[in-house]
PDB file of N, CA and C in Angstrom:
ATOM      1  N   MET A   1       8.463  42.661  42.178  1.00  0.00           N
ATOM      2  CA  MET A   1       8.218  42.904  40.519  1.00  0.00           C
ATOM      3  C   MET A   1       9.568  42.994  40.129  1.00  0.00           C
ATOM      4  N   ALA A   2      10.609  43.940  40.975  1.00  0.00           N
ATOM      5  CA  ALA A   2      11.815  44.257  40.161  1.00  0.00           C
ATOM      6  C   ALA A   2      12.626  42.875  39.640  1.00  0.00           C
ATOM      7  N   SER A   3      12.385  41.868  40.505  1.00  0.00           N
ATOM      8  CA  SER A   3      13.239  40.703  39.964  1.00  0.00           C
ATOM      9  C   SER A   3      12.614  40.299  38.514  1.00  0.00           C
ATOM     10  N   GLU A   4      11.638  40.717  37.998  1.00  0.00           N
ATOM     11  CA  GLU A   4      10.849  40.342  36.785  1.00  0.00           C
ATOM     12  C   GLU A   4      11.564  41.332  35.706  1.00  0.00           C
ATOM     13  N   GLN A   5      12.101  42.101  35.894  1.00  0.00           N
ATOM     14  CA  GLN A   5      12.439  43.166  34.898  1.00  0.00           C
ATOM     15  C   GLN A   5      13.698  42.668  33.915  1.00  0.00           C
ATOM     16  N   ILE A   6      13.669  42.972  32.833  1.00  0.00           N
ATOM     17  CA  ILE A   6      14.719  42.466  31.905  1.00  0.00           C
ATOM     18  C   ILE A   6      15.735  43.594  31.588  1.00  0.00           C
ATOM     19  N   PRO A   7      16.886  43.530  31.510  1.00  0.00           N
ATOM     20  CA  PRO A   7      17.795  44.568  30.844  1.00  0.00           C
ATOM     21  C   PRO A   7      17.423  45.037  29.675  1.00  0.00           C
ATOM     22  N   GLN A   8      17.278  46.315  29.476  1.00  0.00           N
ATOM     23  CA  GLN A   8      16.773  47.057  28.186  1.00  0.00           C
ATOM     24  C   GLN A   8      17.630  47.077  27.086  1.00  0.00           C
ATOM     25  N   GLU A   9      19.071  46.786  27.561  1.00  0.00           N
ATOM     26  CA  GLU A   9      19.738  46.813  26.192  1.00  0.00           C
ATOM     27  C   GLU A   9      19.777  45.573  25.411  1.00  0.00           C
ATOM     28  N   LYS A  10      19.213  44.424  25.936  1.00  0.00           N
ATOM     29  CA  LYS A  10      19.245  43.208  24.970  1.00  0.00           C
ATOM     30  C   LYS A  10      17.838  43.137  24.403  1.00  0.00           C
ATOM     31  N   ARG A  11      18.046  42.676  23.032  1.00  0.00           N
ATOM     32  CA  ARG A  11      16.658  42.583  22.350  1.00  0.00           C
ATOM     33  C   ARG A  11      16.788  41.078  21.518  1.00  0.00           C
ATOM     34  N   THR A  12      17.323  40.221  22.207  1.00  0.00           N
ATOM     35  CA  THR A  12      17.427  38.947  21.700  1.00  0.00           C
ATOM     36  C   THR A  12      16.140  38.041  21.407  1.00  0.00           C
ATOM     37  N   LYS A  13      16.229  36.895  20.870  1.00  0.00           N
ATOM     38  CA  LYS A  13      14.940  36.187  20.776  1.00  0.00           C
ATOM     39  C   LYS A  13      14.243  35.558  22.084  1.00  0.00           C
ATOM     40  N   THR A  14      15.396  35.407  23.058  1.00  0.00           N
ATOM     41  CA  THR A  14      15.148  35.053  24.450  1.00  0.00           C
ATOM     42  C   THR A  14      14.346  36.242  25.131  1.00  0.00           C
ATOM     43  N   TYR A  15      14.948  37.241  24.872  1.00  0.00           N
ATOM     44  CA  TYR A  15      14.338  38.657  25.386  1.00  0.00           C
ATOM     45  C   TYR A  15      12.886  38.667  24.824  1.00  0.00           C
ATOM     46  N   VAL A  16      12.832  38.649  23.575  1.00  0.00           N
ATOM     47  CA  VAL A  16      11.237  38.843  23.032  1.00  0.00           C
ATOM     48  C   VAL A  16      10.349  37.846  23.600  1.00  0.00           C
ATOM     49  N   GLU A  17      10.744  36.611  23.879  1.00  0.00           N
ATOM     50  CA  GLU A  17       9.882  35.519  24.421  1.00  0.00           C
ATOM     51  C   GLU A  17       9.830  35.669  25.971  1.00  0.00           C
ATOM     52  N   GLU A  18      10.471  36.224  26.593  1.00  0.00           N
ATOM     53  CA  GLU A  18      10.181  36.778  28.057  1.00  0.00           C
ATOM     54  C   GLU A  18       9.371  37.778  28.164  1.00  0.00           C
ATOM     55  N   VAL A  19       9.336  38.832  27.314  1.00  0.00           N
ATOM     56  CA  VAL A  19       8.583  39.950  27.447  1.00  0.00           C
ATOM     57  C   VAL A  19       7.127  39.388  26.992  1.00  0.00           C
ATOM     58  N   PHE A  20       7.008  38.705  26.163  1.00  0.00           N
ATOM     59  CA  PHE A  20       5.817  38.161  25.477  1.00  0.00           C
ATOM     60  C   PHE A  20       5.110  37.291  26.707  1.00  0.00           C
ATOM     61  N   ARG A  21       6.023  36.527  27.372  1.00  0.00           N
ATOM     62  CA  ARG A  21       5.396  35.688  28.539  1.00  0.00           C
ATOM     63  C   ARG A  21       4.935  36.403  29.411  1.00  0.00           C
ATOM     64  N   GLN A  22       5.627  37.471  29.983  1.00  0.00           N
ATOM     65  CA  GLN A  22       5.132  38.376  30.894  1.00  0.00           C
ATOM     66  C   GLN A  22       4.014  39.052  30.644  1.00  0.00           C
ATOM     67  N   ILE A  23       3.946  39.592  29.490  1.00  0.00           N
ATOM     68  CA  ILE A  23       2.724  40.454  29.055  1.00  0.00           C
ATOM     69  C   ILE A  23       1.652  39.319  29.010  1.00  0.00           C
ATOM     70  N   GLU A  24       1.549  38.377  28.655  1.00  0.00           N
ATOM     71  CA  GLU A  24       0.622  37.376  28.373  1.00  0.00           C
ATOM     72  C   GLU A  24      -0.043  36.843  29.642  1.00  0.00           C
ATOM     73  N   ALA A  25       0.731  36.965  30.631  1.00  0.00           N
ATOM     74  CA  ALA A  25       0.359  36.664  32.142  1.00  0.00           C
ATOM     75  C   ALA A  25      -0.362  37.594  32.702  1.00  0.00           C
ATOM     76  N   LYS A  26      -0.491  38.753  32.200  1.00  0.00           N
ATOM     77  CA  LYS A  26      -1.308  39.878  32.841  1.00  0.00           C
ATOM     78  C   LYS A  26      -2.707  39.730  32.523  1.00  0.00           C
ATOM     79  N   PRO A  27      -3.550  40.064  33.549  1.00  0.00           N
ATOM     80  CA  PRO A  27      -5.009  39.967  33.258  1.00  0.00           C
ATOM     81  C   PRO A  27      -5.618  41.168  32.283  1.00  0.00           C
ATOM     82  N   GLY A  28      -6.630  40.709  31.573  1.00  0.00           N
ATOM     83  CA  GLY A  28      -7.139  41.665  30.679  1.00  0.00           C
ATOM     84  C   GLY A  28      -6.539  41.652  29.083  1.00  0.00           C
ATOM     85  N   VAL A  29      -5.421  41.171  29.128  1.00  0.00           N
ATOM     86  CA  VAL A  29      -4.562  41.147  27.878  1.00  0.00           C
ATOM     87  C   VAL A  29      -5.393  40.199  26.664  1.00  0.00           C
ATOM     88  N   GLU A  30      -5.537  40.844  25.428  1.00  0.00           N
ATOM     89  CA  GLU A  30      -6.300  40.021  24.511  1.00  0.00           C
ATOM     90  C   GLU A  30      -5.333  39.736  23.565  1.00  0.00           C
ATOM     91  N   ASP A  31      -4.530  40.689  23.054  1.00  0.00           N
ATOM     92  CA  ASP A  31      -3.495  40.300  21.897  1.00  0.00           C
ATOM     93  C   ASP A  31      -2.403  41.242  22.336  1.00  0.00           C
ATOM     94  N   ILE A  32      -1.198  40.547  21.563  1.00  0.00           N
ATOM     95  CA  ILE A  32       0.188  41.122  21.751  1.00  0.00           C
ATOM     96  C   ILE A  32       0.753  41.047  20.418  1.00  0.00           C
ATOM     97  N   LEU A  33       1.393  42.194  20.196  1.00  0.00           N
ATOM     98  CA  LEU A  33       2.182  42.162  18.817  1.00  0.00           C
ATOM     99  C   LEU A  33       3.662  42.574  19.176  1.00  0.00           C
ATOM    100  N   ILE A  34       4.751  41.999  18.820  1.00  0.00           N
ATOM    101  CA  ILE A  34       6.114  42.539  19.076  1.00  0.00           C
ATOM    102  C   ILE A  34       6.636  42.546  17.728  1.00  0.00           C
ATOM    103  N   MET A  35       7.062  43.959  17.355  1.00  0.00           N
ATOM    104  CA  MET A  35       7.572  44.176  15.944  1.00  0.00           C
ATOM    105  C   MET A  35       9.086  44.497  16.003  1.00  0.00           C
ATOM    106  N   ASN A  36       9.722  43.996  15.079  1.00  0.00           N
ATOM    107  CA  ASN A  36      11.195  44.576  14.914  1.00  0.00           C
ATOM    108  C   ASN A  36      11.345  46.034  14.617  1.00  0.00           C
ATOM    109  N   HIS A  37      12.527  46.474  14.460  1.00  0.00           N
ATOM    110  CA  HIS A  37      12.905  47.978  14.195  1.00  0.00           C
ATOM    111  C   HIS A  37      12.297  48.202  13.054  1.00  0.00           C
ATOM    112  N   SER A  38      12.212  47.266  11.973  1.00  0.00           N
ATOM    113  CA  SER A  38      11.448  47.681  10.742  1.00  0.00           C
ATOM    114  C   SER A  38       9.891  47.649  10.628  1.00  0.00           C
ATOM    115  N   GLY A  39       9.372  47.216  11.593  1.00  0.00           N
ATOM    116  CA  GLY A  39       7.689  47.220  11.749  1.00  0.00           C
ATOM    117  C   GLY A  39       7.340  45.852  11.471  1.00  0.00           C
ATOM    118  N   VAL A  40       8.063  44.848  11.269  1.00  0.00           N
ATOM    119  CA  VAL A  40       7.744  43.438  10.802  1.00  0.00           C
ATOM    120  C   VAL A  40       7.373  42.709  12.119  1.00  0.00           C
ATOM    121  N   PRO A  41       6.174  41.972  12.102  1.00  0.00           N
ATOM    122  CA  PRO A  41       6.023  41.209  13.297  1.00  0.00           C
ATOM    123  C   PRO A  41       6.761  40.160  13.535  1.00  0.00           C
ATOM    124  N   VAL A  42       7.574  40.069  14.852  1.00  0.00           N
ATOM    125  CA  VAL A  42       8.332  38.784  15.055  1.00  0.00           C
ATOM    126  C   VAL A  42       7.711  37.883  16.097  1.00  0.00           C
ATOM    127  N   LYS A  43       6.736  38.350  16.901  1.00  0.00           N
ATOM    128  CA  LYS A  43       6.186  37.425  17.759  1.00  0.00           C
ATOM    129  C   LYS A  43       4.594  38.102  17.919  1.00  0.00           C
ATOM    130  N   THR A  44       3.636  37.280  17.769  1.00  0.00           N
ATOM    131  CA  THR A  44       2.197  37.855  18.062  1.00  0.00           C
ATOM    132  C   THR A  44       1.193  36.661  18.521  1.00  0.00           C
ATOM    133  N   SER A  45       0.230  37.172  19.237  1.00  0.00           N
ATOM    134  CA  SER A  45      -0.993  36.273  19.601  1.00  0.00           C
ATOM    135  C   SER A  45      -1.905  36.377  18.392  1.00  0.00           C
ATOM    136  N   MET A  46      -1.951  37.222  17.391  1.00  0.00           N
ATOM    137  CA  MET A  46      -3.072  37.195  16.554  1.00  0.00           C
ATOM    138  C   MET A  46      -2.376  36.484  15.406  1.00  0.00           C
ATOM    139  N   ASP A  47      -3.497  36.327  14.500  1.00  0.00           N
ATOM    140  CA  ASP A  47      -3.174  35.523  13.283  1.00  0.00           C
ATOM    141  C   ASP A  47      -2.102  36.275  12.305  1.00  0.00           C
ATOM    142  N   ARG A  48      -1.497  35.754  11.289  1.00  0.00           N
ATOM    143  CA  ARG A  48      -0.686  36.441  10.741  1.00  0.00           C
ATOM    144  C   ARG A  48      -1.047  37.625   9.878  1.00  0.00           C
ATOM    145  N   GLN A  49      -2.168  37.636   9.432  1.00  0.00           N
ATOM    146  CA  GLN A  49      -2.693  38.679   8.444  1.00  0.00           C
ATOM    147  C   GLN A  49      -3.215  39.838   9.364  1.00  0.00           C
ATOM    148  N   GLU A  50      -3.703  39.499  10.459  1.00  0.00           N
ATOM    149  CA  GLU A  50      -4.116  40.599  11.508  1.00  0.00           C
ATOM    150  C   GLU A  50      -3.068  41.266  11.905  1.00  0.00           C
ATOM    151  N   GLY A  51      -1.806  40.670  12.441  1.00  0.00           N
ATOM    152  CA  GLY A  51      -0.736  40.929  12.874  1.00  0.00           C
ATOM    153  C   GLY A  51       0.055  42.133  11.900  1.00  0.00           C
ATOM    154  N   LEU A  52       0.125  41.657  10.497  1.00  0.00           N
ATOM    155  CA  LEU A  52       0.539  42.594   9.541  1.00  0.00           C
ATOM    156  C   LEU A  52      -0.424  43.818   9.476  1.00  0.00           C
ATOM    157  N   GLN A  53      -1.380  43.663   9.440  1.00  0.00           N
ATOM    158  CA  GLN A  53      -2.529  44.716   9.460  1.00  0.00           C
ATOM    159  C   GLN A  53      -2.160  45.706  10.595  1.00  0.00           C
ATOM    160  N   TYR A  54      -2.285  45.230  11.853  1.00  0.00           N
ATOM    161  CA  TYR A  54      -1.959  46.019  13.018  1.00  0.00           C
ATOM    162  C   TYR A  54      -0.496  46.733  12.878  1.00  0.00           C
ATOM    163  N   ALA A  55       0.482  45.932  12.416  1.00  0.00           N
ATOM    164  CA  ALA A  55       1.753  46.474  12.334  1.00  0.00           C
ATOM    165  C   ALA A  55       1.858  47.759  11.105  1.00  0.00           C
ATOM    166  N   CYS A  56       0.937  47.587   9.979  1.00  0.00           N
ATOM    167  CA  CYS A  56       0.828  48.778   9.073  1.00  0.00           C
ATOM    168  C   CYS A  56       0.368  49.866   9.719  1.00  0.00           C
ATOM    169  N   LEU A  57      -0.761  49.653  10.423  1.00  0.00           N
ATOM    170  CA  LEU A  57      -1.690  50.702  10.928  1.00  0.00           C
ATOM    171  C   LEU A  57      -0.618  51.291  12.042  1.00  0.00           C
ATOM    172  N   TYR A  58      -0.095  50.790  12.780  1.00  0.00           N
ATOM    173  CA  TYR A  58       0.712  51.332  13.917  1.00  0.00           C
ATOM    174  C   TYR A  58       1.896  52.257  13.326  1.00  0.00           C
ATOM    175  N   ASP A  59       2.314  51.724  12.266  1.00  0.00           N
ATOM    176  CA  ASP A  59       3.444  52.444  11.436  1.00  0.00           C
ATOM    177  C   ASP A  59       2.814  53.950  11.026  1.00  0.00           C
ATOM    178  N   ASN A  60       1.809  53.865  10.495  1.00  0.00           N
ATOM    179  CA  ASN A  60       1.042  55.073   9.965  1.00  0.00           C
ATOM    180  C   ASN A  60       0.714  56.048  11.401  1.00  0.00           C
ATOM    181  N   LEU A  61       0.479  55.402  12.476  1.00  0.00           N
ATOM    182  CA  LEU A  61      -0.057  56.182  13.724  1.00  0.00           C
ATOM    183  C   LEU A  61       1.410  56.845  14.277  1.00  0.00           C
ATOM    184  N   ARG A  62       2.429  56.203  14.135  1.00  0.00           N
ATOM    185  CA  ARG A  62       3.661  56.514  14.833  1.00  0.00           C
ATOM    186  C   ARG A  62       4.290  57.307  13.907  1.00  0.00           C
ATOM    187  N   GLU A  63       4.259  57.530  12.776  1.00  0.00           N
ATOM    188  CA  GLU A  63       4.552  58.541  11.715  1.00  0.00           C
ATOM    189  C   GLU A  63       3.914  60.064  12.324  1.00  0.00           C
ATOM    190  N   LYS A  64       2.570  59.900  12.407  1.00  0.00           N
ATOM    191  CA  LYS A  64       1.722  61.176  12.722  1.00  0.00           C
ATOM    192  C   LYS A  64       2.111  61.643  14.259  1.00  0.00           C
ATOM    193  N   CYS A  65       2.184  60.605  15.091  1.00  0.00           N
ATOM    194  CA  CYS A  65       2.505  61.178  16.398  1.00  0.00           C
ATOM    195  C   CYS A  65       3.860  61.705  16.412  1.00  0.00           C
ATOM    196  N   GLN A  66       4.932  61.146  15.791  1.00  0.00           N
ATOM    197  CA  GLN A  66       6.299  61.733  15.861  1.00  0.00           C
ATOM    198  C   GLN A  66       6.380  63.097  15.212  1.00  0.00           C
ATOM    199  N   ALA A  67       5.522  63.380  14.096  1.00  0.00           N
ATOM    200  CA  ALA A  67       5.449  64.630  13.395  1.00  0.00           C
ATOM    201  C   ALA A  67       4.888  65.534  14.313  1.00  0.00           C
ATOM    202  N   PHE A  68       3.780  65.191  14.809  1.00  0.00           N
ATOM    203  CA  PHE A  68       3.444  66.056  16.134  1.00  0.00           C
ATOM    204  C   PHE A  68       4.170  66.409  17.183  1.00  0.00           C
ATOM    205  N   LEU A  69       5.058  65.346  17.637  1.00  0.00           N
ATOM    206  CA  LEU A  69       6.004  65.662  18.815  1.00  0.00           C
ATOM    207  C   LEU A  69       7.197  66.525  18.160  1.00  0.00           C
ATOM    208  N   ALA A  70       7.530  66.419  17.046  1.00  0.00           N
ATOM    209  CA  ALA A  70       8.512  67.185  16.506  1.00  0.00           C
ATOM    210  C   ALA A  70       8.313  68.648  16.324  1.00  0.00           C
ATOM    211  N   LYS A  71       7.095  69.050  16.341  1.00  0.00           N
ATOM    212  CA  LYS A  71       6.668  70.561  16.325  1.00  0.00           C
ATOM    213  C   LYS A  71       6.905  71.138  17.754  1.00  0.00           C
ATOM    214  N   MET A  72       6.917  70.150  18.970  1.00  0.00           N
ATOM    215  CA  MET A  72       7.087  71.010  20.165  1.00  0.00           C
ATOM    216  C   MET A  72       8.456  71.446  20.461  1.00  0.00           C
ATOM    217  N   GLU A  73       8.339  72.278  21.592  1.00  0.00           N
ATOM    218  CA  GLU A  73       9.805  73.135  21.917  1.00  0.00           C
ATOM    219  C   GLU A  73      10.134  72.363  23.170  1.00  0.00           C
ATOM    220  N   PRO A  74      11.154  71.781  23.449  1.00  0.00           N
ATOM    221  CA  PRO A  74      12.025  71.125  22.574  1.00  0.00           C
ATOM    222  C   PRO A  74      11.502  69.930  21.897  1.00  0.00           C
ATOM    223  N   PRO A  75      11.969  69.407  20.534  1.00  0.00           N
ATOM    224  CA  PRO A  75      11.408  68.294  20.065  1.00  0.00           C
ATOM    225  C   PRO A  75      11.215  67.007  20.824  1.00  0.00           C
ATOM    226  N   GLN A  76      10.392  66.366  20.825  1.00  0.00           N
ATOM    227  CA  GLN A  76      10.259  65.073  21.669  1.00  0.00           C
ATOM    228  C   GLN A  76      10.325  63.737  20.818  1.00  0.00           C
ATOM    229  N   THR A  77      10.237  62.666  21.651  1.00  0.00           N
ATOM    230  CA  THR A  77      10.417  61.346  20.917  1.00  0.00           C
ATOM    231  C   THR A  77       9.475  60.543  21.612  1.00  0.00           C
ATOM    232  N   LEU A  78       8.528  59.717  20.785  1.00  0.00           N
ATOM    233  CA  LEU A  78       7.449  58.927  21.207  1.00  0.00           C
ATOM    234  C   LEU A  78       8.094  57.753  22.140  1.00  0.00           C
ATOM    235  N   THR A  79       7.796  57.737  23.388  1.00  0.00           N
ATOM    236  CA  THR A  79       8.305  56.668  24.223  1.00  0.00           C
ATOM    237  C   THR A  79       7.100  55.724  24.614  1.00  0.00           C
ATOM    238  N   PHE A  80       5.829  56.041  24.590  1.00  0.00           N
ATOM    239  CA  PHE A  80       4.837  55.212  24.978  1.00  0.00           C
ATOM    240  C   PHE A  80       3.572  55.919  24.597  1.00  0.00           C
ATOM    241  N   LEU A  81       2.576  55.097  24.015  1.00  0.00           N
ATOM    242  CA  LEU A  81       1.286  55.582  23.545  1.00  0.00           C
ATOM    243  C   LEU A  81       0.161  54.718  24.065  1.00  0.00           C
ATOM    244  N   ARG A  82      -0.764  55.547  24.569  1.00  0.00           N
ATOM    245  CA  ARG A  82      -1.966  54.756  25.236  1.00  0.00           C
ATOM    246  C   ARG A  82      -3.336  55.338  24.587  1.00  0.00           C
ATOM    247  N   VAL A  83      -3.850  54.320  23.968  1.00  0.00           N
ATOM    248  CA  VAL A  83      -5.305  54.872  23.248  1.00  0.00           C
ATOM    249  C   VAL A  83      -6.294  53.912  23.864  1.00  0.00           C
ATOM    250  N   ARG A  84      -7.317  54.485  24.408  1.00  0.00           N
ATOM    251  CA  ARG A  84      -8.546  53.884  24.897  1.00  0.00           C
ATOM    252  C   ARG A  84      -9.748  54.216  24.179  1.00  0.00           C
ATOM    253  N   THR A  85     -10.509  52.985  23.886  1.00  0.00           N
ATOM    254  CA  THR A  85     -11.856  53.135  23.259  1.00  0.00           C
ATOM    255  C   THR A  85     -12.916  52.596  24.391  1.00  0.00           C
ATOM    256  N   LYS A  86     -14.217  52.615  23.937  1.00  0.00           N
ATOM    257  CA  LYS A  86     -15.134  52.138  24.853  1.00  0.00           C
ATOM    258  C   LYS A  86     -14.960  50.676  25.394  1.00  0.00           C
ATOM    259  N   TYR A  87     -14.325  49.780  24.706  1.00  0.00           N
ATOM    260  CA  TYR A  87     -14.192  48.488  24.996  1.00  0.00           C
ATOM    261  C   TYR A  87     -12.612  48.113  25.190  1.00  0.00           C
ATOM    262  N   HIS A  88     -11.790  48.558  24.383  1.00  0.00           N
ATOM    263  CA  HIS A  88     -10.384  48.183  24.515  1.00  0.00           C
ATOM    264  C   HIS A  88      -9.469  49.486  24.868  1.00  0.00           C
ATOM    265  N   GLU A  89      -8.167  48.849  25.256  1.00  0.00           N
ATOM    266  CA  GLU A  89      -7.057  50.056  25.205  1.00  0.00           C
ATOM    267  C   GLU A  89      -5.984  49.315  24.396  1.00  0.00           C
ATOM    268  N   VAL A  90      -5.373  50.128  23.923  1.00  0.00           N
ATOM    269  CA  VAL A  90      -4.152  49.884  23.244  1.00  0.00           C
ATOM    270  C   VAL A  90      -2.899  50.353  23.668  1.00  0.00           C
ATOM    271  N   LEU A  91      -1.784  49.950  24.208  1.00  0.00           N
ATOM    272  CA  LEU A  91      -0.600  50.367  24.673  1.00  0.00           C
ATOM    273  C   LEU A  91       0.474  49.952  23.823  1.00  0.00           C
ATOM    274  N   ILE A  92       1.341  51.031  23.336  1.00  0.00           N
ATOM    275  CA  ILE A  92       2.430  50.801  22.491  1.00  0.00           C
ATOM    276  C   ILE A  92       3.623  51.409  23.357  1.00  0.00           C
ATOM    277  N   THR A  93       4.548  50.544  23.141  1.00  0.00           N
ATOM    278  CA  THR A  93       5.926  50.923  23.543  1.00  0.00           C
ATOM    279  C   THR A  93       7.081  50.795  22.583  1.00  0.00           C
ATOM    280  N   PRO A  94       7.442  51.968  21.868  1.00  0.00           N
ATOM    281  CA  PRO A  94       8.415  51.685  20.755  1.00  0.00           C
ATOM    282  C   PRO A  94       9.699  52.130  21.294  1.00  0.00           C
ATOM    283  N   ASP A  95      10.801  51.416  20.777  1.00  0.00           N
ATOM    284  CA  ASP A  95      12.083  51.691  21.041  1.00  0.00           C
ATOM    285  C   ASP A  95      12.800  51.425  19.703  1.00  0.00           C
ATOM    286  N   LYS A  96      14.266  51.547  19.735  1.00  0.00           N
ATOM    287  CA  LYS A  96      14.899  51.454  18.748  1.00  0.00           C
ATOM    288  C   LYS A  96      15.057  49.959  18.001  1.00  0.00           C
ATOM    289  N   LYS A  97      14.741  49.045  18.887  1.00  0.00           N
ATOM    290  CA  LYS A  97      15.093  47.700  18.234  1.00  0.00           C
ATOM    291  C   LYS A  97      13.646  47.009  18.181  1.00  0.00           C
ATOM    292  N   ILE A  98      12.707  47.109  19.234  1.00  0.00           N
ATOM    293  CA  ILE A  98      11.516  46.517  18.933  1.00  0.00           C
ATOM    294  C   ILE A  98      10.378  47.470  19.543  1.00  0.00           C
ATOM    295  N   THR A  99       9.165  47.004  19.188  1.00  0.00           N
ATOM    296  CA  THR A  99       7.951  47.698  19.490  1.00  0.00           C
ATOM    297  C   THR A  99       6.936  46.692  20.086  1.00  0.00           C
ATOM    298  N   VAL A 100       6.398  47.111  21.286  1.00  0.00           N
ATOM    299  CA  VAL A 100       5.451  45.975  21.807  1.00  0.00           C
ATOM    300  C   VAL A 100       4.028  46.731  21.799  1.00  0.00           C
ATOM    301  N   LEU A 101       3.161  46.140  21.126  1.00  0.00           N
ATOM    302  CA  LEU A 101       1.825  46.577  21.137  1.00  0.00           C
ATOM    303  C   LEU A 101       0.797  45.604  21.687  1.00  0.00           C
ATOM    304  N   VAL A 102       0.068  46.196  22.830  1.00  0.00           N
ATOM    305  CA  VAL A 102      -0.797  45.243  23.592  1.00  0.00           C
ATOM    306  C   VAL A 102      -2.189  45.749  23.526  1.00  0.00           C
ATOM    307  N   VAL A 103      -3.183  44.892  23.168  1.00  0.00           N
ATOM    308  CA  VAL A 103      -4.637  45.034  23.381  1.00  0.00           C
ATOM    309  C   VAL A 103      -5.240  44.533  24.455  1.00  0.00           C
ATOM    310  N   GLN A 104      -5.718  45.432  25.271  1.00  0.00           N
ATOM    311  CA  GLN A 104      -6.285  44.757  26.425  1.00  0.00           C
ATOM    312  C   GLN A 104      -7.763  45.283  26.531  1.00  0.00           C
ATOM    313  N   SER A 105      -8.472  44.460  27.401  1.00  0.00           N
ATOM    314  CA  SER A 105     -10.031  44.917  27.546  1.00  0.00           C
ATOM    315  C   SER A 105     -10.008  46.053  28.803  1.00  0.00           C
ATOM    316  N   VAL A 106     -10.919  46.850  28.698  1.00  0.00           N
ATOM    317  CA  VAL A 106     -11.230  47.999  29.310  1.00  0.00           C
ATOM    318  C   VAL A 106     -11.913  47.458  30.730  1.00  0.00           C
ATOM    319  N   LYS A 107     -11.418  47.595  31.960  1.00  0.00           N
ATOM    320  CA  LYS A 107     -11.847  47.232  33.170  1.00  0.00           C
ATOM    321  C   LYS A 107     -12.780  48.032  33.864  1.00  0.00           C
ATOM    322  N   ASP A 108     -13.103  49.195  33.323  1.00  0.00           N
ATOM    323  CA  ASP A 108     -14.042  50.316  33.817  1.00  0.00           C
ATOM    324  C   ASP A 108     -15.480  49.599  33.618  1.00  0.00           C
ATOM    325  N   THR A 109     -16.255  49.071  34.669  1.00  0.00           N
ATOM    326  CA  THR A 109     -17.502  48.670  34.444  1.00  0.00           C
ATOM    327  C   THR A 109     -18.549  49.733  33.987  1.00  0.00           C
ATOM    328  N   TYR A 110     -18.211  50.902  34.445  1.00  0.00           N
ATOM    329  CA  TYR A 110     -19.400  52.022  34.116  1.00  0.00           C
ATOM    330  C   TYR A 110     -19.053  52.293  32.689  1.00  0.00           C
ATOM    331  N   ILE A 111     -17.966  52.183  32.008  1.00  0.00           N
ATOM    332  CA  ILE A 111     -17.966  52.421  30.681  1.00  0.00           C
ATOM    333  C   ILE A 111     -18.592  51.330  29.835  1.00  0.00           C
ATOM    334  N   ASN A 112     -18.162  50.227  30.239  1.00  0.00           N
ATOM    335  CA  ASN A 112     -19.121  49.085  29.740  1.00  0.00           C
ATOM    336  C   ASN A 112     -20.475  48.570  29.831  1.00  0.00           C
ATOM    337  N   MET A 113     -20.961  49.336  30.874  1.00  0.00           N
ATOM    338  CA  MET A 113     -22.435  49.427  31.228  1.00  0.00           C
ATOM    339  C   MET A 113     -23.130  50.305  30.340  1.00  0.00           C
ATOM    340  N   LYS A 114     -22.462  51.545  29.817  1.00  0.00           N
ATOM    341  CA  LYS A 114     -23.204  52.394  29.032  1.00  0.00           C
ATOM    342  C   LYS A 114     -23.113  52.077  27.637  1.00  0.00           C
ATOM    343  N   LYS A 115     -23.777  51.087  27.155  1.00  0.00           N
ATOM    344  CA  LYS A 115     -23.748  50.664  25.969  1.00  0.00           C
ATOM    345  C   LYS A 115     -24.631  51.495  24.966  1.00  0.00           C
TER     346      LYS A 115
END
């Protein structure tokens, strides 16, 4: 797995394509959204409108999380966010240049059986 890792300092189009390809190959992944530092989708598996909606919702969530983390001693920075529902899990990894948002299916059969 170490040979698959990409240097963190580069955020080129090739980098984005490679990250997208690696995430897409993982089992359970349903949607991928990669946004630039301004929150604009640059690559997604969603349709255009849905990608823009997710990007906007993420920005609101990030602001609230960052405000919460700023109240901690010492102030913290959001580096990874994982939200799990009954059927899906959303993984978000923001940084200064790109943000990757992944929606995947929940693999817990116990949770899925308790409908």
